[in-house]
Amino acid sequence: MTGGAGFISSANKSSKENRNLGKIRPKRRGSEGISREKNMDKADLKNIDDSINYRMDRRSSFARSSYFFAGLVSLIIGLLLYMLFS
């Protein structure tokens, strides 16, 4: 095992430097960005509802197509096994 001791000392040094950086950097304050409460009255609820419905339809469509492809693959594997052993 070459370099084991060097790796450990390097890791210890790196973690010590990271801890020291954490002490130097200013602490994060409350978010001063966009507030959800302030912008909720601007939201178009019909568009939000439409986008949720669209995503749910896509999800159910994906589930149906995945079942279809899983069935198709199992049918092909079954057919190949039948042809192989008959």
Protein backbone atom coordinates (compact mmCIF):
# COMPACT_ATOMS: atom_id res chain seq x y z
CA MET A 1 0.00 0.00 0.00
CA THR A 2 1.94 2.94 -1.29
CA GLY A 3 1.09 6.48 -0.31
CA GLY A 4 -1.25 5.59 2.55
CA ALA A 5 0.42 7.76 5.16
CA GLY A 6 0.78 10.66 2.72
CA PHE A 7 -2.88 10.48 1.85
CA ILE A 8 -3.96 10.57 5.48
CA SER A 9 -1.80 13.58 6.30
CA SER A 10 -3.01 15.36 3.17
CA ALA A 11 -6.63 14.64 4.10
CA ASN A 12 -6.09 15.91 7.64
CA LYS A 13 -4.49 19.11 6.34
CA SER A 14 -7.30 19.64 3.83
CA SER A 15 -10.03 19.17 6.44
CA LYS A 16 -8.24 21.58 8.81
CA GLU A 17 -8.06 24.21 6.04
CA ASN A 18 -11.77 23.73 5.29
CA ARG A 19 -12.68 24.23 8.95
CA ASN A 20 -10.62 27.40 9.04
CA LEU A 21 -12.33 28.68 5.88
CA GLY A 22 -15.68 28.09 7.53
CA LYS A 23 -14.64 30.40 10.34
CA ILE A 24 -13.54 33.14 7.92
CA ARG A 25 -16.56 33.16 5.63
CA PRO A 26 -19.56 35.22 6.73
CA LYS A 27 -22.59 33.28 7.90
CA ARG A 28 -25.54 33.08 5.57
CA ARG A 29 -28.40 35.36 6.46
CA GLY A 30 -32.06 35.11 5.61
CA SER A 31 -32.92 35.03 1.94
CA GLU A 32 -33.29 38.46 0.43
CA GLY A 33 -34.43 37.09 -2.89
CA ILE A 34 -37.91 36.48 -4.21
CA SER A 35 -40.45 35.77 -1.49
CA ARG A 36 -43.13 33.23 -2.24
CA GLU A 37 -45.65 35.02 -0.03
CA LYS A 38 -45.20 38.32 -1.82
CA ASN A 39 -45.59 36.80 -5.28
CA MET A 40 -48.43 34.36 -4.56
CA ASP A 41 -51.06 36.99 -5.38
CA LYS A 42 -49.47 37.44 -8.81
CA ALA A 43 -49.73 33.73 -9.61
CA ASP A 44 -52.16 32.63 -12.28
CA LEU A 45 -53.90 29.68 -10.62
CA LYS A 46 -55.38 28.39 -13.88
CA ASN A 47 -51.93 28.10 -15.47
CA ILE A 48 -50.58 26.39 -12.37
CA ASP A 49 -53.48 23.94 -12.41
CA ASP A 50 -52.96 23.28 -16.13
CA SER A 51 -49.27 22.61 -15.66
CA ILE A 52 -49.94 20.20 -12.77
CA ASN A 53 -52.52 18.34 -14.85
CA TYR A 54 -50.11 18.19 -17.79
CA ARG A 55 -47.36 16.71 -15.60
CA MET A 56 -49.72 14.14 -14.10
CA ASP A 57 -50.90 13.13 -17.58
CA ARG A 58 -47.28 12.76 -18.73
CA ARG A 59 -46.53 10.65 -15.68
CA SER A 60 -49.44 8.30 -16.26
CA SER A 61 -48.59 8.11 -19.97
CA PHE A 62 -45.01 7.19 -19.11
CA ALA A 63 -46.23 4.49 -16.72
CA ARG A 64 -48.49 2.99 -19.40
CA SER A 65 -45.74 3.00 -22.02
CA SER A 66 -43.24 1.44 -19.61
CA TYR A 67 -45.68 -1.39 -18.86
CA PHE A 68 -46.19 -1.87 -22.59
CA PHE A 69 -42.45 -2.08 -23.30
CA ALA A 70 -41.86 -4.40 -20.33
CA GLY A 71 -44.58 -6.71 -21.64
CA LEU A 72 -43.16 -6.57 -25.15
CA VAL A 73 -39.65 -7.42 -23.96
CA SER A 74 -40.90 -10.32 -21.83
CA LEU A 75 -42.94 -11.61 -24.80
CA ILE A 76 -39.88 -11.50 -27.07
CA ILE A 77 -37.72 -13.26 -24.45
CA GLY A 78 -40.41 -15.90 -23.99
CA LEU A 79 -40.64 -16.40 -27.75
CA LEU A 80 -36.85 -16.73 -28.05
CA LEU A 81 -36.74 -19.27 -25.21
CA TYR A 82 -39.58 -21.24 -26.83
CA MET A 83 -37.75 -21.32 -30.17
CA LEU A 84 -34.47 -22.23 -28.48
CA PHE A 85 -35.80 -25.22 -26.54
CA SER A 86 -38.34 -26.65 -28.98
